[in-house]
């Protein structure tokens, strides 16, 4: 008998390239998203998250090769572009939301970085970062602390220069220094964080409407920080606050969680469970099996999914 399994696919930006330099975000264009989605559905059967949970608990069956589509960061793209496409195909997705941007009404640092890269380009952005650090941080030598090999491993889809810059900002700089740096550069070169936030993310009414139409709203942290760079108490507090806000605004229902940056260890997974999230999704590229650790579920990024699917299905046919 064939063992059933599910492929969870992860998306972020889904939008067409626009005319403004700040909108030239590296994401998946709409037509490419539709082609990939249709290609996936040709070989896999879409299911929703409650069905995945019921199957893993032994209360339901799923097709031998199933598909779960997930979307991180709560971007406005997901309501304006993705939702109608899913509705037209009768697919129900999972939308993971960082609650801090909604509660505080300001841009997430990761998205500020994306916009700064679009506005300034790699070289000018790096020059601005180095100048700010030399001015504000005494004896700053953070640039030399970047492990170029590790940067390329983490950001393998970027140029070497951009990979090192993103690694510096995400993995090397102290988080409070990074926040101050990016806030100041964003104000100087892009604009007002609150103004951008209001159009960059889905708002509560859109999230409620998505949920009412059968989609799942999950947690993606409060502050969208790499958890392994936080203390154990900070990790736990961040997840609890995320769960509490989602419960207050959208109702206290079972929900999944997506780890920011796919960053976790054994303690992070335990914190996820203690915060009340039923599942935790990683960025580990594999199928989901019925008996897999519920707080370490695999997902395949849109960047890798076509190669992953081709390898999996061609190997079977060979």
Foldseek 3Di string as FASTA:
>chain_A
DQAAFEAEEEAEDEDDQDDDLLRNFPGHYQVRVLVVVVVCVVPAAEDADVQLVCVLVVNDDGPRYHYAYEYEAQWPCCLPRVVVSCVVVVHAHEYAHQAQCQVVLFDALVSLVRSCCSQQNLPRVVVLLVVVCPVPPPPDPLLVVFDLVVLCVLPVVDDSSVSSVVCSLAPGDDVVVSVVSSVVVCCVGPRGGNVCSVNTHDHLVSVLVSVVVPYAYAYAWHRLHQVVSDDLVVLLVRLLVRLVVCCVRRNNDAHAYEYRSLHDDPSSLVSNVVSRHQAYEGDADDIAGSPPDRHYGYHHYPVCVVVVVCVVVVVVVD
